[in-house]
Amino acid sequence: MTEFQEQVKKLVEEGKTHSEICKILNKAKSSVSSAIKSLGLTPKKAFINTVDENYLSVIDTDSKAYFLGFFIADGSVADKNRNHGRFSFNIQAEDGYILEYFANQLKCPSCVKHIEYQNGAAHRKPQSRLRWTSKKMLSDLSIYNLGPRKTDLDFELPLNKIPEKFYGALIRGFIDGDGSFEQHDGIFNPVISGPNYK
């Protein structure tokens, strides 16, 4: 066994993930993968999906309506994982408490990661990310016309599928996800950015 393989083995036994091992040893993923495979090791999974897949099956609480509104405004479903239903939120770390709340509602508190991600931006603030996978949830959300490219110009939310008493929470979630207030000459103007929602 080489010194590198011994290092990899030790880190796997310590419960490190594949990505963590690459970072600690400053080695390419392919090198670490090769060592792991040759030693027959199974590193800790970086992401364990323990999400409550039925959370959005029925919108019957303010929390669920708020979550749905926030997701419409600021969530995403990845195209490349459409069959698996990979969902995510990325927001500024200073607002990360919102994702912590969502993660607790979904029963997957370990799904929130705090990241320094500068790709595509010269100076991006630290981010908080909530990511989970659920094919069932993708199916559940399809009744609200939500999926990859969820807010194309022809997007229309079927409000008749949501009890009217939860409209307020839905709107609050939507505004928190994509709204802001601007001030010009002492006048506050509410702004919701994004495409033309119907």
N, C-alpha and C. Protein backbone atom coordinates (compact mmCIF):
# COMPACT_ATOMS: atom_id res chain seq x y z
N MET A 1 0.85 -1.18 0.00
CA MET A 1 0.00 0.00 0.00
C MET A 1 0.90 1.25 0.00
N THR A 2 0.61 2.17 -0.89
CA THR A 2 1.40 3.39 -0.98
C THR A 2 1.04 4.34 0.17
N GLU A 3 1.90 5.33 0.36
CA GLU A 3 1.64 6.33 1.41
C GLU A 3 0.33 7.07 1.13
N PHE A 4 0.09 7.38 -0.14
CA PHE A 4 -1.14 8.07 -0.52
C PHE A 4 -2.37 7.22 -0.21
N GLN A 5 -2.30 5.92 -0.53
CA GLN A 5 -3.42 5.02 -0.23
C GLN A 5 -3.67 4.92 1.27
N GLU A 6 -2.58 4.91 2.04
CA GLU A 6 -2.72 4.87 3.50
C GLU A 6 -3.43 6.12 4.02
N GLN A 7 -3.07 7.27 3.42
CA GLN A 7 -3.71 8.53 3.83
C GLN A 7 -5.21 8.50 3.50
N VAL A 8 -5.53 8.01 2.29
CA VAL A 8 -6.93 7.93 1.87
C VAL A 8 -7.69 6.98 2.80
N LYS A 9 -7.12 5.82 3.07
CA LYS A 9 -7.75 4.83 3.95
C LYS A 9 -8.03 5.42 5.32
N LYS A 10 -7.05 6.13 5.87
CA LYS A 10 -7.21 6.74 7.20
C LYS A 10 -8.35 7.75 7.20
N LEU A 11 -8.43 8.57 6.16
CA LEU A 11 -9.47 9.60 6.10
C LEU A 11 -10.86 8.99 5.90
N VAL A 12 -10.94 7.92 5.11
CA VAL A 12 -12.22 7.23 4.95
C VAL A 12 -12.67 6.66 6.28
N GLU A 13 -11.73 6.06 7.02
CA GLU A 13 -12.06 5.48 8.33
C GLU A 13 -12.45 6.55 9.34
N GLU A 14 -11.98 7.78 9.12
CA GLU A 14 -12.36 8.90 9.99
C GLU A 14 -13.73 9.47 9.63
N GLY A 15 -14.33 8.95 8.54
CA GLY A 15 -15.66 9.40 8.16
C GLY A 15 -15.69 10.58 7.20
N LYS A 16 -14.59 10.82 6.51
CA LYS A 16 -14.53 11.92 5.56
C LYS A 16 -15.21 11.52 4.24
N THR A 17 -15.79 12.52 3.58
CA THR A 17 -16.42 12.29 2.27
C THR A 17 -15.34 12.34 1.19
N HIS A 18 -15.71 11.91 -0.01
CA HIS A 18 -14.79 11.93 -1.15
C HIS A 18 -14.25 13.35 -1.38
N SER A 19 -15.15 14.33 -1.38
CA SER A 19 -14.74 15.72 -1.62
C SER A 19 -13.83 16.23 -0.52
N GLU A 20 -14.14 15.87 0.71
CA GLU A 20 -13.30 16.31 1.84
C GLU A 20 -11.89 15.73 1.73
N ILE A 21 -11.80 14.47 1.31
CA ILE A 21 -10.49 13.82 1.16
C ILE A 21 -9.67 14.53 0.08
N CYS A 22 -10.32 14.87 -1.04
CA CYS A 22 -9.64 15.59 -2.12
C CYS A 22 -9.08 16.91 -1.60
N LYS A 23 -9.88 17.61 -0.83
CA LYS A 23 -9.48 18.92 -0.32
C LYS A 23 -8.34 18.79 0.68
N ILE A 24 -8.44 17.85 1.60
CA ILE A 24 -7.42 17.66 2.64
C ILE A 24 -6.08 17.28 2.03
N LEU A 25 -6.11 16.37 1.05
CA LEU A 25 -4.87 15.89 0.44
C LEU A 25 -4.43 16.71 -0.75
N ASN A 26 -5.29 17.68 -1.15
CA ASN A 26 -5.00 18.52 -2.32
C ASN A 26 -4.72 17.66 -3.56
N LYS A 27 -5.62 16.71 -3.79
CA LYS A 27 -5.48 15.78 -4.91
C LYS A 27 -6.72 15.83 -5.79
N ALA A 28 -6.55 15.48 -7.05
CA ALA A 28 -7.66 15.46 -8.00
C ALA A 28 -8.65 14.36 -7.62
N LYS A 29 -9.92 14.56 -7.99
CA LYS A 29 -10.96 13.58 -7.68
C LYS A 29 -10.63 12.22 -8.28
N SER A 30 -10.06 12.23 -9.48
CA SER A 30 -9.75 10.96 -10.15
C SER A 30 -8.71 10.16 -9.36
N SER A 31 -7.72 10.84 -8.78
CA SER A 31 -6.68 10.16 -7.99
C SER A 31 -7.27 9.54 -6.74
N VAL A 32 -8.11 10.31 -6.06
CA VAL A 32 -8.74 9.81 -4.84
C VAL A 32 -9.70 8.67 -5.17
N SER A 33 -10.47 8.82 -6.24
CA SER A 33 -11.40 7.76 -6.66
C SER A 33 -10.66 6.46 -6.95
N SER A 34 -9.53 6.57 -7.62
CA SER A 34 -8.73 5.39 -7.96
C SER A 34 -8.24 4.68 -6.71
N ALA A 35 -7.76 5.46 -5.73
CA ALA A 35 -7.28 4.86 -4.49
C ALA A 35 -8.42 4.20 -3.72
N ILE A 36 -9.56 4.87 -3.66
CA ILE A 36 -10.72 4.33 -2.96
C ILE A 36 -11.17 3.01 -3.59
N LYS A 37 -11.21 3.01 -4.93
CA LYS A 37 -11.65 1.81 -5.65
C LYS A 37 -10.67 0.67 -5.46
N SER A 38 -9.36 0.94 -5.58
CA SER A 38 -8.36 -0.12 -5.45
C SER A 38 -8.33 -0.74 -4.06
N LEU A 39 -8.73 0.06 -3.05
CA LEU A 39 -8.74 -0.43 -1.68
C LEU A 39 -10.10 -1.01 -1.28
N GLY A 40 -11.08 -0.89 -2.17
CA GLY A 40 -12.42 -1.41 -1.88
C GLY A 40 -13.11 -0.67 -0.74
N LEU A 41 -12.87 0.64 -0.66
CA LEU A 41 -13.43 1.44 0.43
C LEU A 41 -14.75 2.09 0.03
N THR A 42 -15.53 2.47 1.01
CA THR A 42 -16.78 3.20 0.77
C THR A 42 -16.77 4.44 1.67
N PRO A 43 -16.44 5.60 1.09
CA PRO A 43 -16.43 6.81 1.92
C PRO A 43 -17.84 7.25 2.30
N LYS A 44 -17.91 8.06 3.30
CA LYS A 44 -19.18 8.62 3.75
C LYS A 44 -19.81 9.42 2.61
N LYS A 45 -21.11 9.28 2.47
CA LYS A 45 -21.83 10.04 1.45
C LYS A 45 -21.88 11.51 1.85
N ALA A 46 -21.66 12.38 0.86
CA ALA A 46 -21.70 13.81 1.14
C ALA A 46 -23.13 14.26 1.42
N PHE A 47 -24.08 13.56 0.82
CA PHE A 47 -25.48 13.98 0.96
C PHE A 47 -26.34 12.77 1.25
N ILE A 48 -27.02 12.80 2.36
CA ILE A 48 -27.94 11.72 2.71
C ILE A 48 -29.35 12.29 2.63
N ASN A 49 -30.14 11.72 1.75
CA ASN A 49 -31.49 12.25 1.50
C ASN A 49 -32.49 11.64 2.47
N THR A 50 -32.82 12.39 3.50
CA THR A 50 -33.81 11.91 4.47
C THR A 50 -35.02 12.83 4.47
N VAL A 51 -35.25 13.48 3.34
CA VAL A 51 -36.30 14.48 3.24
C VAL A 51 -37.69 13.87 3.41
N ASP A 52 -38.61 14.64 4.00
CA ASP A 52 -40.00 14.24 4.11
C ASP A 52 -40.65 14.47 2.74
N GLU A 53 -40.75 13.41 1.96
CA GLU A 53 -41.22 13.53 0.58
C GLU A 53 -42.68 13.95 0.47
N ASN A 54 -43.43 13.83 1.55
CA ASN A 54 -44.85 14.19 1.52
C ASN A 54 -45.13 15.61 1.98
N TYR A 55 -44.07 16.36 2.27
CA TYR A 55 -44.25 17.69 2.87
C TYR A 55 -45.15 18.60 2.03
N LEU A 56 -45.01 18.57 0.71
CA LEU A 56 -45.81 19.44 -0.15
C LEU A 56 -46.93 18.70 -0.89
N SER A 57 -47.26 17.50 -0.44
CA SER A 57 -48.34 16.75 -1.09
C SER A 57 -49.66 17.50 -1.00
N VAL A 58 -49.88 18.14 0.15
CA VAL A 58 -51.08 18.94 0.37
C VAL A 58 -50.66 20.22 1.07
N ILE A 59 -51.08 21.35 0.53
CA ILE A 59 -50.79 22.64 1.18
C ILE A 59 -51.89 22.89 2.20
N ASP A 60 -51.58 22.58 3.47
CA ASP A 60 -52.59 22.68 4.52
C ASP A 60 -52.12 23.45 5.75
N THR A 61 -50.99 24.15 5.62
CA THR A 61 -50.51 25.00 6.71
C THR A 61 -49.90 26.27 6.11
N ASP A 62 -49.80 27.30 6.93
CA ASP A 62 -49.13 28.54 6.49
C ASP A 62 -47.68 28.26 6.12
N SER A 63 -47.01 27.40 6.89
CA SER A 63 -45.60 27.10 6.63
C SER A 63 -45.41 26.49 5.24
N LYS A 64 -46.28 25.57 4.86
CA LYS A 64 -46.17 24.95 3.54
C LYS A 64 -46.47 25.95 2.43
N ALA A 65 -47.45 26.80 2.64
CA ALA A 65 -47.79 27.82 1.64
C ALA A 65 -46.64 28.81 1.48
N TYR A 66 -46.03 29.21 2.60
CA TYR A 66 -44.89 30.12 2.56
C TYR A 66 -43.74 29.47 1.79
N PHE A 67 -43.47 28.21 2.12
CA PHE A 67 -42.40 27.45 1.45
C PHE A 67 -42.65 27.41 -0.06
N LEU A 68 -43.89 27.12 -0.45
CA LEU A 68 -44.23 27.04 -1.87
C LEU A 68 -44.00 28.39 -2.56
N GLY A 69 -44.44 29.48 -1.93
CA GLY A 69 -44.23 30.80 -2.50
C GLY A 69 -42.77 31.14 -2.64
N PHE A 70 -41.99 30.82 -1.63
CA PHE A 70 -40.55 31.10 -1.65
C PHE A 70 -39.89 30.27 -2.76
N PHE A 71 -40.33 29.01 -2.89
CA PHE A 71 -39.75 28.15 -3.93
C PHE A 71 -40.07 28.66 -5.33
N ILE A 72 -41.30 29.10 -5.54
CA ILE A 72 -41.68 29.65 -6.84
C ILE A 72 -40.76 30.81 -7.21
N ALA A 73 -40.48 31.66 -6.22
CA ALA A 73 -39.67 32.85 -6.47
C ALA A 73 -38.18 32.55 -6.59
N ASP A 74 -37.66 31.66 -5.73
CA ASP A 74 -36.21 31.57 -5.62
C ASP A 74 -35.64 30.16 -5.61
N GLY A 75 -36.47 29.15 -5.77
CA GLY A 75 -35.97 27.78 -5.78
C GLY A 75 -35.71 27.32 -7.20
N SER A 76 -35.09 26.16 -7.33
CA SER A 76 -34.84 25.63 -8.67
C SER A 76 -34.90 24.10 -8.67
N VAL A 77 -35.18 23.58 -9.86
CA VAL A 77 -35.14 22.14 -10.10
C VAL A 77 -34.17 21.95 -11.26
N ALA A 78 -33.13 21.17 -11.05
CA ALA A 78 -32.09 21.02 -12.07
C ALA A 78 -32.58 20.19 -13.25
N ASP A 79 -32.35 20.68 -14.46
CA ASP A 79 -32.72 19.96 -15.68
C ASP A 79 -32.05 18.60 -15.77
N LYS A 80 -30.75 18.57 -15.50
CA LYS A 80 -30.01 17.34 -15.72
C LYS A 80 -30.42 16.21 -14.78
N ASN A 81 -31.09 16.56 -13.68
CA ASN A 81 -31.54 15.53 -12.74
C ASN A 81 -33.06 15.46 -12.68
N ARG A 82 -33.70 15.83 -13.79
CA ARG A 82 -35.16 15.93 -13.77
C ARG A 82 -35.83 14.64 -13.31
N ASN A 83 -35.32 13.51 -13.74
CA ASN A 83 -35.96 12.25 -13.36
C ASN A 83 -35.82 11.94 -11.87
N HIS A 84 -34.86 12.56 -11.24
CA HIS A 84 -34.64 12.31 -9.82
C HIS A 84 -35.22 13.40 -8.94
N GLY A 85 -35.54 14.55 -9.52
CA GLY A 85 -36.12 15.64 -8.74
C GLY A 85 -35.14 16.28 -7.78
N ARG A 86 -34.09 16.87 -8.32
CA ARG A 86 -33.11 17.55 -7.47
C ARG A 86 -33.50 19.02 -7.32
N PHE A 87 -33.82 19.41 -6.09
CA PHE A 87 -34.27 20.75 -5.77
C PHE A 87 -33.17 21.51 -5.04
N SER A 88 -33.17 22.83 -5.20
CA SER A 88 -32.18 23.60 -4.44
C SER A 88 -32.60 25.06 -4.26
N PHE A 89 -32.08 25.64 -3.20
CA PHE A 89 -32.15 27.07 -2.93
C PHE A 89 -30.71 27.53 -2.70
N ASN A 90 -30.34 28.68 -3.22
CA ASN A 90 -29.09 29.34 -2.89
C ASN A 90 -29.43 30.78 -2.50
N ILE A 91 -29.08 31.17 -1.29
CA ILE A 91 -29.33 32.54 -0.86
C ILE A 91 -28.12 33.05 -0.08
N GLN A 92 -28.06 34.35 0.18
CA GLN A 92 -26.97 34.90 0.95
C GLN A 92 -26.94 34.28 2.34
N ALA A 93 -25.73 34.01 2.82
CA ALA A 93 -25.58 33.33 4.12
C ALA A 93 -26.25 34.09 5.26
N GLU A 94 -26.32 35.42 5.15
CA GLU A 94 -26.94 36.20 6.23
C GLU A 94 -28.44 35.90 6.35
N ASP A 95 -29.04 35.35 5.29
CA ASP A 95 -30.44 34.94 5.33
C ASP A 95 -30.59 33.42 5.47
N GLY A 96 -29.48 32.77 5.79
CA GLY A 96 -29.47 31.31 5.85
C GLY A 96 -30.44 30.70 6.85
N TYR A 97 -30.87 31.49 7.84
CA TYR A 97 -31.82 30.98 8.83
C TYR A 97 -33.13 30.54 8.17
N ILE A 98 -33.46 31.16 7.03
CA ILE A 98 -34.68 30.76 6.30
C ILE A 98 -34.53 29.33 5.81
N LEU A 99 -33.35 29.03 5.26
CA LEU A 99 -33.12 27.66 4.76
C LEU A 99 -33.03 26.66 5.90
N GLU A 100 -32.50 27.10 7.04
CA GLU A 100 -32.47 26.21 8.22
C GLU A 100 -33.90 25.86 8.63
N TYR A 101 -34.78 26.84 8.58
CA TYR A 101 -36.19 26.61 8.91
C TYR A 101 -36.81 25.63 7.91
N PHE A 102 -36.58 25.88 6.60
CA PHE A 102 -37.12 24.98 5.58
C PHE A 102 -36.59 23.56 5.76
N ALA A 103 -35.30 23.45 6.03
CA ALA A 103 -34.69 22.12 6.19
C ALA A 103 -35.31 21.36 7.35
N ASN A 104 -35.61 22.09 8.44
CA ASN A 104 -36.26 21.44 9.58
C ASN A 104 -37.68 21.00 9.22
N GLN A 105 -38.39 21.82 8.41
CA GLN A 105 -39.72 21.44 7.96
C GLN A 105 -39.66 20.18 7.10
N LEU A 106 -38.61 20.09 6.27
CA LEU A 106 -38.44 18.93 5.38
C LEU A 106 -37.83 17.73 6.10
N LYS A 107 -37.45 17.93 7.36
CA LYS A 107 -36.81 16.90 8.19
C LYS A 107 -35.47 16.47 7.62
N CYS A 108 -34.72 17.45 7.10
CA CYS A 108 -33.37 17.15 6.61
C CYS A 108 -32.42 18.29 6.99
N PRO A 109 -32.23 18.54 8.30
CA PRO A 109 -31.38 19.66 8.71
C PRO A 109 -29.96 19.59 8.18
N SER A 110 -29.46 18.38 7.88
CA SER A 110 -28.10 18.25 7.36
C SER A 110 -27.99 18.66 5.90
N CYS A 111 -29.13 18.97 5.25
CA CYS A 111 -29.11 19.34 3.83
C CYS A 111 -28.63 20.77 3.59
N VAL A 112 -28.53 21.59 4.64
CA VAL A 112 -28.09 22.98 4.47
C VAL A 112 -26.57 23.04 4.56
N LYS A 113 -25.97 23.68 3.56
CA LYS A 113 -24.52 23.87 3.52
C LYS A 113 -24.23 25.36 3.40
N HIS A 114 -23.18 25.80 4.05
CA HIS A 114 -22.74 27.18 3.95
C HIS A 114 -21.48 27.20 3.10
N ILE A 115 -21.51 27.94 2.01
CA ILE A 115 -20.47 27.83 1.01
C ILE A 115 -19.91 29.19 0.61
N GLU A 116 -18.65 29.17 0.18
CA GLU A 116 -17.99 30.33 -0.43
C GLU A 116 -17.88 29.97 -1.91
N TYR A 117 -18.74 30.52 -2.72
CA TYR A 117 -18.81 30.15 -4.14
C TYR A 117 -18.67 31.40 -4.99
N GLN A 118 -17.56 31.52 -5.70
CA GLN A 118 -17.28 32.71 -6.47
C GLN A 118 -17.41 32.52 -7.98
N ASN A 119 -17.79 31.34 -8.42
CA ASN A 119 -17.88 31.08 -9.85
C ASN A 119 -18.87 32.03 -10.52
N GLY A 120 -18.41 32.75 -11.56
CA GLY A 120 -19.28 33.64 -12.30
C GLY A 120 -19.51 34.99 -11.66
N ALA A 121 -18.80 35.27 -10.57
CA ALA A 121 -18.97 36.57 -9.91
C ALA A 121 -17.63 37.01 -9.32
N ALA A 122 -17.33 38.28 -9.47
CA ALA A 122 -16.07 38.80 -8.95
C ALA A 122 -16.08 38.86 -7.42
N HIS A 123 -17.20 39.30 -6.86
CA HIS A 123 -17.29 39.43 -5.40
C HIS A 123 -18.68 38.98 -4.94
N ARG A 124 -18.83 37.71 -4.71
CA ARG A 124 -20.12 37.19 -4.25
C ARG A 124 -20.05 36.95 -2.75
N LYS A 125 -21.10 37.33 -2.05
CA LYS A 125 -21.16 37.12 -0.61
C LYS A 125 -21.26 35.63 -0.32
N PRO A 126 -20.87 35.21 0.89
CA PRO A 126 -21.04 33.80 1.27
C PRO A 126 -22.49 33.37 1.10
N GLN A 127 -22.67 32.13 0.70
CA GLN A 127 -24.00 31.61 0.38
C GLN A 127 -24.40 30.49 1.34
N SER A 128 -25.69 30.34 1.50
CA SER A 128 -26.25 29.15 2.15
C SER A 128 -27.03 28.40 1.09
N ARG A 129 -26.90 27.08 1.09
CA ARG A 129 -27.55 26.27 0.07
C ARG A 129 -28.33 25.14 0.73
N LEU A 130 -29.55 24.96 0.27
CA LEU A 130 -30.37 23.82 0.68
C LEU A 130 -30.64 23.02 -0.58
N ARG A 131 -30.24 21.77 -0.56
CA ARG A 131 -30.42 20.91 -1.72
C ARG A 131 -30.95 19.56 -1.27
N TRP A 132 -31.93 19.04 -2.00
CA TRP A 132 -32.48 17.71 -1.69
C TRP A 132 -33.00 17.09 -2.98
N THR A 133 -33.26 15.80 -2.89
CA THR A 133 -33.72 15.05 -4.06
C THR A 133 -34.98 14.28 -3.70
N SER A 134 -36.00 14.40 -4.54
CA SER A 134 -37.23 13.65 -4.32
C SER A 134 -38.04 13.57 -5.62
N LYS A 135 -38.09 12.40 -6.19
CA LYS A 135 -38.89 12.20 -7.39
C LYS A 135 -40.37 12.39 -7.08
N LYS A 136 -40.79 11.97 -5.88
CA LYS A 136 -42.20 12.12 -5.50
C LYS A 136 -42.57 13.60 -5.37
N MET A 137 -41.69 14.39 -4.77
CA MET A 137 -41.99 15.80 -4.61
C MET A 137 -42.06 16.50 -5.97
N LEU A 138 -41.23 16.06 -6.91
CA LEU A 138 -41.30 16.61 -8.26
C LEU A 138 -42.67 16.35 -8.85
N SER A 139 -43.20 15.14 -8.62
CA SER A 139 -44.53 14.79 -9.10
C SER A 139 -45.60 15.63 -8.40
N ASP A 140 -45.46 15.78 -7.07
CA ASP A 140 -46.43 16.58 -6.30
C ASP A 140 -46.47 18.03 -6.78
N LEU A 141 -45.30 18.61 -7.04
CA LEU A 141 -45.23 20.01 -7.44
C LEU A 141 -45.68 20.24 -8.87
N SER A 142 -45.76 19.17 -9.65
CA SER A 142 -46.20 19.33 -11.05
C SER A 142 -47.65 19.83 -11.11
N ILE A 143 -48.45 19.59 -10.06
CA ILE A 143 -49.84 20.07 -10.09
C ILE A 143 -49.89 21.59 -9.96
N TYR A 144 -48.76 22.19 -9.51
CA TYR A 144 -48.66 23.65 -9.43
C TYR A 144 -47.86 24.21 -10.61
N ASN A 145 -47.66 23.37 -11.63
CA ASN A 145 -46.88 23.74 -12.83
C ASN A 145 -45.42 24.04 -12.50
N LEU A 146 -44.89 23.38 -11.48
CA LEU A 146 -43.51 23.61 -11.07
C LEU A 146 -42.62 22.45 -11.47
N GLY A 147 -41.52 22.77 -12.09
CA GLY A 147 -40.52 21.80 -12.52
C GLY A 147 -39.35 22.58 -13.08
N PRO A 148 -38.45 21.93 -13.82
CA PRO A 148 -37.35 22.68 -14.45
C PRO A 148 -37.91 23.81 -15.32
N ARG A 149 -37.21 24.94 -15.31
CA ARG A 149 -37.66 26.14 -16.03
C ARG A 149 -39.06 26.52 -15.56
N LYS A 150 -39.27 26.46 -14.25
CA LYS A 150 -40.59 26.59 -13.66
C LYS A 150 -41.27 27.93 -13.90
N THR A 151 -40.50 28.98 -14.15
CA THR A 151 -41.13 30.28 -14.30
C THR A 151 -40.85 30.88 -15.68
N ASP A 152 -40.99 30.06 -16.72
CA ASP A 152 -40.99 30.59 -18.08
C ASP A 152 -42.15 31.57 -18.19
N LEU A 153 -42.18 32.34 -19.26
CA LEU A 153 -43.20 33.37 -19.39
C LEU A 153 -44.63 32.84 -19.38
N ASP A 154 -44.81 31.56 -19.70
CA ASP A 154 -46.17 31.01 -19.71
C ASP A 154 -46.54 30.35 -18.37
N PHE A 155 -45.70 30.53 -17.34
CA PHE A 155 -45.99 29.95 -16.04
C PHE A 155 -47.26 30.56 -15.44
N GLU A 156 -48.12 29.70 -14.93
CA GLU A 156 -49.32 30.17 -14.25
C GLU A 156 -49.57 29.26 -13.06
N LEU A 157 -49.69 29.86 -11.89
CA LEU A 157 -49.92 29.09 -10.67
C LEU A 157 -51.41 28.85 -10.52
N PRO A 158 -51.84 27.58 -10.47
CA PRO A 158 -53.27 27.28 -10.30
C PRO A 158 -53.70 27.49 -8.84
N LEU A 159 -54.10 28.71 -8.52
CA LEU A 159 -54.46 29.05 -7.14
C LEU A 159 -55.63 28.22 -6.63
N ASN A 160 -56.46 27.70 -7.52
CA ASN A 160 -57.61 26.90 -7.08
C ASN A 160 -57.18 25.61 -6.38
N LYS A 161 -55.90 25.26 -6.49
CA LYS A 161 -55.40 24.04 -5.83
C LYS A 161 -54.84 24.34 -4.44
N ILE A 162 -54.89 25.62 -4.04
CA ILE A 162 -54.40 26.03 -2.73
C ILE A 162 -55.55 26.67 -1.96
N PRO A 163 -55.82 26.24 -0.73
CA PRO A 163 -56.91 26.86 0.04
C PRO A 163 -56.69 28.36 0.19
N GLU A 164 -57.76 29.11 0.00
CA GLU A 164 -57.68 30.57 0.01
C GLU A 164 -57.11 31.12 1.31
N LYS A 165 -57.35 30.43 2.42
CA LYS A 165 -56.87 30.94 3.70
C LYS A 165 -55.35 30.95 3.80
N PHE A 166 -54.66 30.28 2.84
CA PHE A 166 -53.19 30.26 2.85
C PHE A 166 -52.58 31.20 1.80
N TYR A 167 -53.40 31.97 1.12
CA TYR A 167 -52.88 32.89 0.08
C TYR A 167 -51.90 33.90 0.68
N GLY A 168 -52.20 34.41 1.87
CA GLY A 168 -51.32 35.40 2.50
C GLY A 168 -49.92 34.85 2.73
N ALA A 169 -49.84 33.62 3.26
CA ALA A 169 -48.54 33.00 3.51
C ALA A 169 -47.81 32.73 2.20
N LEU A 170 -48.56 32.30 1.18
CA LEU A 170 -47.98 32.05 -0.14
C LEU A 170 -47.35 33.33 -0.70
N ILE A 171 -48.08 34.44 -0.60
CA ILE A 171 -47.60 35.72 -1.12
C ILE A 171 -46.39 36.22 -0.32
N ARG A 172 -46.43 36.05 1.00
CA ARG A 172 -45.28 36.43 1.83
C ARG A 172 -44.04 35.65 1.43
N GLY A 173 -44.19 34.36 1.20
CA GLY A 173 -43.06 33.54 0.78
C GLY A 173 -42.52 34.01 -0.56
N PHE A 174 -43.43 34.32 -1.49
CA PHE A 174 -43.03 34.76 -2.82
C PHE A 174 -42.26 36.08 -2.75
N ILE A 175 -42.76 37.01 -1.95
CA ILE A 175 -42.10 38.32 -1.83
C ILE A 175 -40.76 38.18 -1.11
N ASP A 176 -40.71 37.36 -0.06
CA ASP A 176 -39.43 37.15 0.63
C ASP A 176 -38.41 36.50 -0.31
N GLY A 177 -38.87 35.66 -1.22
CA GLY A 177 -37.97 34.99 -2.14
C GLY A 177 -37.46 35.87 -3.26
N ASP A 178 -38.26 36.83 -3.70
CA ASP A 178 -37.86 37.60 -4.88
C ASP A 178 -38.29 39.06 -4.82
N GLY A 179 -38.61 39.55 -3.65
CA GLY A 179 -39.08 40.93 -3.55
C GLY A 179 -38.11 41.82 -2.81
N SER A 180 -38.33 43.10 -2.93
CA SER A 180 -37.52 44.07 -2.21
C SER A 180 -38.28 45.39 -2.14
N PHE A 181 -37.76 46.28 -1.32
CA PHE A 181 -38.31 47.64 -1.25
C PHE A 181 -37.21 48.61 -1.65
N GLU A 182 -37.57 49.54 -2.50
CA GLU A 182 -36.63 50.58 -2.91
C GLU A 182 -37.18 51.92 -2.46
N GLN A 183 -36.26 52.84 -2.18
CA GLN A 183 -36.69 54.17 -1.75
C GLN A 183 -36.14 55.21 -2.72
N HIS A 184 -37.04 56.06 -3.25
CA HIS A 184 -36.66 57.16 -4.13
C HIS A 184 -37.37 58.41 -3.63
N ASP A 185 -36.58 59.41 -3.27
CA ASP A 185 -37.15 60.68 -2.78
C ASP A 185 -38.12 60.47 -1.61
N GLY A 186 -37.75 59.56 -0.71
CA GLY A 186 -38.56 59.32 0.47
C GLY A 186 -39.78 58.45 0.25
N ILE A 187 -39.96 57.94 -0.98
CA ILE A 187 -41.11 57.10 -1.28
C ILE A 187 -40.64 55.65 -1.40
N PHE A 188 -41.30 54.75 -0.65
CA PHE A 188 -40.95 53.34 -0.72
C PHE A 188 -41.76 52.66 -1.82
N ASN A 189 -41.06 51.91 -2.65
CA ASN A 189 -41.70 51.18 -3.74
C ASN A 189 -41.45 49.69 -3.60
N PRO A 190 -42.49 48.89 -3.51
CA PRO A 190 -42.29 47.44 -3.49
C PRO A 190 -41.90 46.97 -4.89
N VAL A 191 -40.92 46.04 -4.96
CA VAL A 191 -40.46 45.53 -6.25
C VAL A 191 -40.39 44.02 -6.19
N ILE A 192 -40.94 43.37 -7.20
CA ILE A 192 -40.78 41.92 -7.35
C ILE A 192 -40.09 41.72 -8.68
N SER A 193 -38.90 41.11 -8.66
CA SER A 193 -38.15 40.93 -9.89
C SER A 193 -38.44 39.57 -10.48
N GLY A 194 -37.97 39.37 -11.71
CA GLY A 194 -38.17 38.08 -12.36
C GLY A 194 -39.05 38.21 -13.56
N PRO A 195 -39.46 37.08 -14.17
CA PRO A 195 -40.30 37.11 -15.35
C PRO A 195 -41.71 37.58 -15.05
N ASN A 196 -42.52 37.66 -16.06
CA ASN A 196 -43.92 38.12 -15.89
C ASN A 196 -44.79 36.99 -15.39
N TYR A 197 -44.90 36.89 -14.07
CA TYR A 197 -45.74 35.85 -13.48
C TYR A 197 -47.21 36.18 -13.70
N LYS A 198 -48.03 35.16 -13.90
CA LYS A 198 -49.47 35.37 -14.08
C LYS A 198 -50.19 35.10 -12.78
